[in-house]
Amino acid sequence: MFYLLHGDDEFTSREQLKKLRQQGNFDYNQDTYNGGEVALASIIATCSTLPFLTDQRLVIIEGLPKKRKGEAAATASGTGDSATGKGGKAKKGKKSGKNNSATRAGFEKELAEFIPVMPQETVLIVLLDELLDAKNVLYKTAEQHGKIIQSTLPKGAAVESWITKRARAIGVSITPEAAALLANFIGNQLRLLANELNKLATYAGKGATITADDVRQLSAQVQEARIFDLTDALAGRDRKQALDILHDLLADGEPPLKLISLITSQVRSLLLVKELSQKGMRGPQIATTIGVAPFVAEKSLRQVAKFNPSQLENTYRQLLATDAALKRSRMAPEMALDLLVINFGL
């Protein structure tokens, strides 16, 4: 049996993989290969080996070789291999055959040719964090000799629907307001959403309903996003809105020292983003460099555009001074935070 798991939703694809593992009787006959690092001949040799003391062997290929510059994907007719010319004929001076699998197209083509003659005891799963075209040779082979499982990230209102279904699947329910909070602040990062829901479900208890208050109290990502809202208001010089958000956070029971710490961390990130953006880096590069989600980097870029470096540096020093004053009990916490908001970015 051949399964093709593909799409940009790696979380759901790996959950599907887990289910497939549980369905078979593979025992110790399980092998996982990185398609971009292991020779196809080794993978085919494993697939051709009969299972030991069980009825089935499981072979998983995670990823495919990277496409070389100018290389197209293999199609059902076999075209697109960088080792072949038009009509599938070998290019002069190039070897076809054994060396084909060194290319992405060659790897796909040779694997597709093997699948129909693969031992029936073997279950082969190709797991890809990308969406394959319907013309791709592996896609067409899966249509004829296996099964295709496509996982695509939800967008818009579909994220809230996913949250509601996921909550139901783990034995709880969630209010629309709570689902909207998670969707708005975490987006379609499904692995992160699943982790947050597991935590909230443990807190609420089996069969209970997760509320918006539960999300505000327990979800670190939501709290971080509310700090984003606070710095957004400050960046827009809307001190009234900033004070309203600050007082809401305090009313929700957030300790002043924790708020200072979160705001300080946020300003520190803004300083880094400002510095990297001035070096010409874009959102995705910044996200990788400082280790944040891409949407966080993009939002930070929008925020830092409203500040010059000296304003951010002054604010950072004010935060450190306020933190020290609070720890020494020299100032009432609420007053210290109000003054911080009023003087933010000056």
Protein backbone atom coordinates (compact mmCIF):
# COMPACT_ATOMS: atom_id res chain seq x y z
CA MET A 1 0.00 0.00 0.00
CA PHE A 2 1.24 3.46 -0.88
CA TYR A 3 0.15 6.66 0.89
CA LEU A 4 1.02 10.15 -0.29
CA LEU A 5 0.63 12.71 2.51
CA HIS A 6 1.18 16.21 1.19
CA GLY A 7 0.22 19.84 1.81
CA ASP A 8 1.29 22.90 3.80
CA ASP A 9 -0.35 21.67 7.02
CA GLU A 10 2.50 19.65 8.53
CA PHE A 11 0.67 19.22 11.85
CA THR A 12 -2.33 17.40 10.36
CA SER A 13 -0.08 15.39 8.02
CA ARG A 14 1.86 14.08 11.00
CA GLU A 15 -1.32 13.27 12.87
CA GLN A 16 -2.42 11.27 9.82
CA LEU A 17 0.96 9.50 9.87
CA LYS A 18 0.44 8.61 13.52
CA LYS A 19 -2.95 7.05 12.70
CA LEU A 20 -1.47 5.01 9.87
CA ARG A 21 1.25 3.72 12.19
CA GLN A 22 -1.39 2.57 14.66
CA GLN A 23 -3.47 0.82 12.01
CA GLY A 24 -0.79 -1.68 11.00
CA ASN A 25 1.04 -4.51 12.71
CA PHE A 26 4.58 -3.35 12.05
CA ASP A 27 6.30 -4.01 15.38
CA TYR A 28 10.04 -3.55 14.75
CA ASN A 29 9.67 -3.47 10.97
CA GLN A 30 9.56 0.33 10.73
CA ASP A 31 12.08 2.51 8.91
CA THR A 32 12.08 6.28 8.34
CA TYR A 33 14.27 7.93 5.71
CA ASN A 34 15.00 11.53 4.77
CA GLY A 35 14.32 11.60 1.06
CA GLY A 36 16.75 14.44 0.57
CA GLU A 37 19.68 12.63 2.19
CA VAL A 38 19.33 8.87 1.63
CA ALA A 39 19.93 7.17 -1.72
CA LEU A 40 16.76 5.85 -3.33
CA ALA A 41 18.46 2.46 -3.85
CA SER A 42 18.73 2.02 -0.07
CA ILE A 43 15.05 2.90 0.41
CA ILE A 44 13.95 0.50 -2.33
CA ALA A 45 16.11 -2.25 -0.78
CA THR A 46 14.32 -1.79 2.55
CA CYS A 47 10.91 -1.76 0.86
CA SER A 48 11.80 -5.03 -0.90
CA THR A 49 12.80 -6.79 2.34
CA LEU A 50 10.13 -9.05 3.80
CA PRO A 51 9.01 -8.19 7.37
CA PHE A 52 10.39 -10.18 10.31
CA LEU A 53 7.87 -11.98 12.53
CA THR A 54 4.99 -9.70 11.45
CA ASP A 55 2.74 -9.38 8.41
CA GLN A 56 3.79 -5.88 7.32
CA ARG A 57 6.76 -3.58 6.93
CA LEU A 58 6.39 0.22 7.23
CA VAL A 59 8.71 2.52 5.29
CA ILE A 60 8.37 6.31 5.61
CA ILE A 61 10.07 8.81 3.31
CA GLU A 62 10.07 12.32 4.77
CA GLY A 63 10.69 14.92 2.09
CA LEU A 64 12.25 14.65 -1.36
CA PRO A 65 15.57 15.83 -2.79
CA LYS A 66 15.70 19.56 -3.40
CA LYS A 67 15.11 20.68 -6.94
CA ARG A 68 18.20 21.77 -8.74
CA LYS A 69 18.28 25.12 -10.48
CA GLY A 70 16.13 24.94 -13.60
CA GLU A 71 14.81 21.47 -12.76
CA ALA A 72 11.11 20.75 -13.20
CA ALA A 73 9.15 18.12 -11.30
CA ALA A 74 8.68 14.69 -12.86
CA THR A 75 5.35 14.21 -14.61
CA ALA A 76 3.45 11.04 -15.36
CA SER A 77 5.07 10.86 -18.81
CA GLY A 78 8.51 11.00 -17.26
CA THR A 79 9.48 14.42 -18.61
CA GLY A 80 11.13 17.05 -16.50
CA ASP A 81 14.14 14.96 -15.42
CA SER A 82 17.26 17.09 -15.65
CA ALA A 83 19.06 14.05 -17.05
CA THR A 84 16.74 13.87 -20.05
CA GLY A 85 15.97 16.09 -22.96
CA LYS A 86 12.74 16.58 -24.89
CA GLY A 87 10.61 13.51 -25.34
CA GLY A 88 12.38 11.77 -22.46
CA LYS A 89 15.55 11.07 -24.52
CA ALA A 90 18.83 11.16 -22.66
CA LYS A 91 20.86 14.31 -23.15
CA LYS A 92 24.15 13.84 -24.89
CA GLY A 93 26.98 13.33 -22.43
CA LYS A 94 24.57 12.66 -19.54
CA LYS A 95 23.89 9.27 -18.03
CA SER A 96 20.34 8.19 -17.39
CA GLY A 97 19.49 5.18 -15.26
CA LYS A 98 21.37 4.72 -11.99
CA ASN A 99 22.22 8.39 -11.55
CA ASN A 100 18.69 9.62 -12.21
CA SER A 101 17.64 9.37 -8.57
CA ALA A 102 20.24 12.00 -7.63
CA THR A 103 17.87 14.62 -9.03
CA ARG A 104 14.42 15.45 -7.64
CA ALA A 105 12.67 14.48 -10.87
CA GLY A 106 14.72 11.31 -11.21
CA PHE A 107 14.00 10.32 -7.61
CA GLU A 108 10.26 10.81 -8.12
CA LYS A 109 10.24 8.90 -11.44
CA GLU A 110 12.21 5.87 -10.18
CA LEU A 111 10.17 5.68 -6.98
CA ALA A 112 6.94 5.87 -8.99
CA GLU A 113 8.15 3.01 -11.22
CA PHE A 114 8.93 0.85 -8.17
CA ILE A 115 5.63 1.32 -6.33
CA PRO A 116 3.47 -0.90 -8.62
CA VAL A 117 5.89 -3.84 -8.14
CA MET A 118 6.53 -3.24 -4.44
CA PRO A 119 5.91 -6.31 -2.19
CA GLN A 120 2.33 -6.34 -0.91
CA GLU A 121 3.64 -6.70 2.64
CA THR A 122 5.19 -3.22 2.44
CA VAL A 123 3.34 -0.06 3.43
CA LEU A 124 5.14 2.95 1.94
CA ILE A 125 4.32 6.49 3.10
CA VAL A 126 5.75 9.60 1.45
CA LEU A 127 5.32 12.61 3.75
CA LEU A 128 5.75 16.05 2.19
CA ASP A 129 5.32 19.53 3.70
CA GLU A 130 4.43 20.88 0.27
CA LEU A 131 1.52 20.64 -2.12
CA LEU A 132 2.17 18.43 -5.15
CA ASP A 133 0.69 19.25 -8.52
CA ALA A 134 -1.87 16.78 -9.88
CA LYS A 135 0.45 16.21 -12.85
CA ASN A 136 3.29 15.03 -10.60
CA VAL A 137 4.29 11.44 -11.22
CA LEU A 138 4.02 10.47 -7.52
CA TYR A 139 0.58 12.07 -7.33
CA LYS A 140 -0.62 10.08 -10.34
CA THR A 141 0.93 6.89 -8.98
CA ALA A 142 -0.89 7.39 -5.67
CA GLU A 143 -4.15 7.85 -7.59
CA GLN A 144 -3.64 4.51 -9.34
CA HIS A 145 -1.84 2.42 -6.72
CA GLY A 146 -2.46 4.03 -3.36
CA LYS A 147 -4.17 6.81 -1.49
CA ILE A 148 -3.69 10.59 -1.39
CA ILE A 149 -4.17 12.50 1.86
CA GLN A 150 -3.91 16.26 1.37
CA SER A 151 -3.67 18.58 4.38
CA THR A 152 -4.07 22.32 3.83
CA LEU A 153 -3.88 25.01 6.50
CA PRO A 154 -7.28 26.55 7.35
CA LYS A 155 -7.75 30.26 6.76
CA GLY A 156 -10.16 32.91 8.02
CA ALA A 157 -13.29 31.56 9.68
CA ALA A 158 -12.09 28.00 9.05
CA VAL A 159 -9.53 28.44 11.85
CA GLU A 160 -12.27 28.96 14.45
CA SER A 161 -14.10 25.94 13.07
CA TRP A 162 -10.92 23.88 13.41
CA ILE A 163 -10.53 25.03 17.03
CA THR A 164 -14.11 24.07 17.87
CA LYS A 165 -13.73 20.61 16.30
CA ARG A 166 -10.39 20.04 17.96
CA ALA A 167 -11.82 20.94 21.37
CA ARG A 168 -14.67 18.50 20.82
CA ALA A 169 -12.19 15.79 19.82
CA ILE A 170 -10.30 16.10 23.12
CA GLY A 171 -13.46 15.96 25.23
CA VAL A 172 -14.35 19.59 25.89
CA SER A 173 -16.31 22.39 24.26
CA ILE A 174 -15.27 26.00 23.69
CA THR A 175 -17.30 29.18 23.46
CA PRO A 176 -17.28 31.13 20.18
CA GLU A 177 -15.62 34.07 21.94
CA ALA A 178 -12.82 31.86 23.27
CA ALA A 179 -12.30 30.26 19.86
CA ALA A 180 -12.16 33.71 18.26
CA LEU A 181 -9.54 34.85 20.78
CA LEU A 182 -7.29 31.89 19.99
CA ALA A 183 -7.80 32.31 16.25
CA ASN A 184 -7.11 36.05 16.32
CA PHE A 185 -3.99 35.84 18.46
CA ILE A 186 -2.42 32.54 17.32
CA GLY A 187 -3.71 32.29 13.76
CA ASN A 188 -3.47 28.99 11.89
CA GLN A 189 -0.41 27.68 13.72
CA LEU A 190 -2.18 24.39 14.36
CA ARG A 191 0.48 22.74 16.49
CA LEU A 192 0.51 25.74 18.82
CA LEU A 193 -3.31 25.84 18.88
CA ALA A 194 -3.44 22.14 19.73
CA ASN A 195 -1.00 22.62 22.60
CA GLU A 196 -3.01 25.55 23.96
CA LEU A 197 -6.26 23.58 23.73
CA ASN A 198 -4.71 20.62 25.56
CA LYS A 199 -3.59 22.95 28.36
CA LEU A 200 -7.00 24.65 28.53
CA ALA A 201 -8.81 21.30 28.50
CA THR A 202 -6.71 20.05 31.41
CA TYR A 203 -7.53 23.22 33.35
CA ALA A 204 -11.27 23.15 32.56
CA GLY A 205 -11.72 19.41 33.06
CA LYS A 206 -13.26 16.71 30.88
CA GLY A 207 -16.67 17.67 29.53
CA ALA A 208 -16.31 21.31 30.59
CA THR A 209 -16.50 24.43 28.43
CA ILE A 210 -13.45 26.57 27.77
CA THR A 211 -14.34 30.25 28.14
CA ALA A 212 -12.72 33.46 26.95
CA ASP A 213 -11.62 34.17 30.54
CA ASP A 214 -9.82 30.80 30.61
CA VAL A 215 -7.99 31.72 27.42
CA ARG A 216 -6.99 35.16 28.73
CA GLN A 217 -5.65 33.67 31.97
CA LEU A 218 -3.84 30.61 30.64
CA SER A 219 -2.72 31.24 27.07
CA ALA A 220 0.75 32.80 27.02
CA GLN A 221 0.34 33.53 23.30
CA VAL A 222 -2.85 35.49 23.89
CA GLN A 223 -1.21 37.48 26.69
CA GLU A 224 1.76 38.19 24.45
CA ALA A 225 -0.62 39.34 21.73
CA ARG A 226 -2.39 41.66 24.18
CA ILE A 227 1.02 43.18 24.93
CA PHE A 228 1.33 43.63 21.16
CA ASP A 229 -1.97 45.51 21.26
CA LEU A 230 -0.59 47.67 24.05
CA THR A 231 2.59 48.51 22.14
CA ASP A 232 0.51 49.04 18.99
CA ALA A 233 -1.50 51.68 20.82
CA LEU A 234 1.69 53.24 22.19
CA ALA A 235 3.31 53.22 18.74
CA GLY A 236 0.26 55.07 17.43
CA ARG A 237 0.62 57.58 20.27
CA ASP A 238 -2.85 56.56 21.45
CA ARG A 239 -2.15 56.72 25.15
CA LYS A 240 -5.83 56.52 26.10
CA GLN A 241 -6.21 53.16 24.39
CA ALA A 242 -2.89 52.00 25.83
CA LEU A 243 -4.03 52.90 29.36
CA ASP A 244 -7.36 51.11 28.77
CA ILE A 245 -5.54 47.93 27.68
CA LEU A 246 -3.12 48.21 30.59
CA HIS A 247 -5.93 48.57 33.14
CA ASP A 248 -7.78 45.62 31.53
CA LEU A 249 -4.69 43.48 31.99
CA LEU A 250 -4.35 44.56 35.60
CA ALA A 251 -8.06 43.92 36.18
CA ASP A 252 -7.58 40.38 34.82
CA GLY A 253 -5.12 39.81 37.63
CA GLU A 254 -1.87 40.25 35.74
CA PRO A 255 0.93 41.08 38.24
CA PRO A 256 2.54 44.47 37.50
CA LEU A 257 6.05 42.99 37.54
CA LYS A 258 5.00 40.40 34.97
CA LEU A 259 3.57 43.14 32.74
CA ILE A 260 6.80 45.12 33.03
CA SER A 261 8.74 41.99 32.09
CA LEU A 262 6.51 41.30 29.07
CA ILE A 263 6.66 44.89 27.84
CA THR A 264 10.45 44.95 28.34
CA SER A 265 10.80 41.74 26.36
CA GLN A 266 8.63 43.21 23.60
CA VAL A 267 10.67 46.43 23.41
CA ARG A 268 13.87 44.38 23.35
CA SER A 269 12.47 42.46 20.36
CA LEU A 270 11.50 45.72 18.67
CA LEU A 271 15.07 46.98 19.09
CA LEU A 272 16.40 43.84 17.41
CA VAL A 273 13.85 44.07 14.61
CA LYS A 274 14.69 47.74 14.07
CA GLU A 275 18.39 46.95 13.84
CA LEU A 276 17.90 44.03 11.43
CA SER A 277 15.44 45.95 9.25
CA GLN A 278 17.98 48.76 8.92
CA LYS A 279 20.42 46.14 7.63
CA GLY A 280 17.94 45.34 4.85
CA MET A 281 16.41 42.18 6.25
CA ARG A 282 12.78 41.34 5.48
CA GLY A 283 10.15 39.71 7.68
CA PRO A 284 10.97 36.01 7.01
CA GLN A 285 14.72 36.59 7.51
CA ILE A 286 14.10 38.49 10.74
CA ALA A 287 11.77 35.74 12.01
CA THR A 288 14.48 33.11 11.45
CA THR A 289 17.24 35.27 12.95
CA ILE A 290 15.51 36.11 16.24
CA GLY A 291 13.47 32.91 16.47
CA VAL A 292 9.87 34.17 16.27
CA ALA A 293 6.87 33.27 14.14
CA PRO A 294 6.74 35.06 10.75
CA PHE A 295 3.52 36.89 11.60
CA VAL A 296 5.15 38.22 14.79
CA ALA A 297 8.10 39.54 12.78
CA GLU A 298 5.77 41.24 10.29
CA LYS A 299 3.78 42.88 13.07
CA SER A 300 6.99 44.02 14.77
CA LEU A 301 8.16 45.57 11.49
CA ARG A 302 4.96 47.62 11.33
CA GLN A 303 5.48 48.76 14.91
CA VAL A 304 9.14 49.76 14.63
CA ALA A 305 8.39 51.88 11.58
CA LYS A 306 6.76 54.37 13.99
CA PHE A 307 9.84 54.69 16.21
CA ASN A 308 13.40 55.81 15.71
CA PRO A 309 16.19 53.85 17.45
CA SER A 310 16.79 56.47 20.15
CA GLN A 311 13.11 56.41 21.17
CA LEU A 312 13.20 52.63 21.59
CA GLU A 313 16.48 52.80 23.51
CA ASN A 314 15.11 55.49 25.87
CA THR A 315 11.94 53.46 26.43
CA TYR A 316 14.00 50.36 27.17
CA ARG A 317 16.00 52.27 29.81
CA GLN A 318 12.74 53.61 31.32
CA LEU A 319 11.42 50.05 31.57
CA LEU A 320 14.53 48.86 33.39
CA ALA A 321 14.32 51.81 35.78
CA THR A 322 10.62 51.18 36.45
CA ASP A 323 11.29 47.49 37.06
CA ALA A 324 14.01 48.36 39.59
CA ALA A 325 11.75 50.92 41.33
CA LEU A 326 8.92 48.39 41.67
CA LYS A 327 11.21 45.73 43.09
CA ARG A 328 12.44 48.20 45.71
CA SER A 329 8.85 49.23 46.52
CA ARG A 330 9.62 52.87 45.83
CA MET A 331 6.49 53.40 43.76
CA ALA A 332 2.91 52.10 43.61
CA PRO A 333 2.74 49.51 40.78
CA GLU A 334 -0.30 51.00 39.02
CA MET A 335 1.17 54.50 39.13
CA ALA A 336 4.53 53.27 37.82
CA LEU A 337 2.87 51.56 34.86
CA ASP A 338 0.66 54.60 34.13
CA LEU A 339 3.73 56.86 34.06
CA LEU A 340 5.51 54.37 31.84
CA VAL A 341 2.67 54.43 29.32
CA ILE A 342 2.45 58.23 29.36
CA ASN A 343 6.21 58.61 28.77
CA PHE A 344 6.50 55.71 26.31
CA GLY A 345 8.56 56.58 23.23
CA LEU A 346 9.36 60.13 24.29
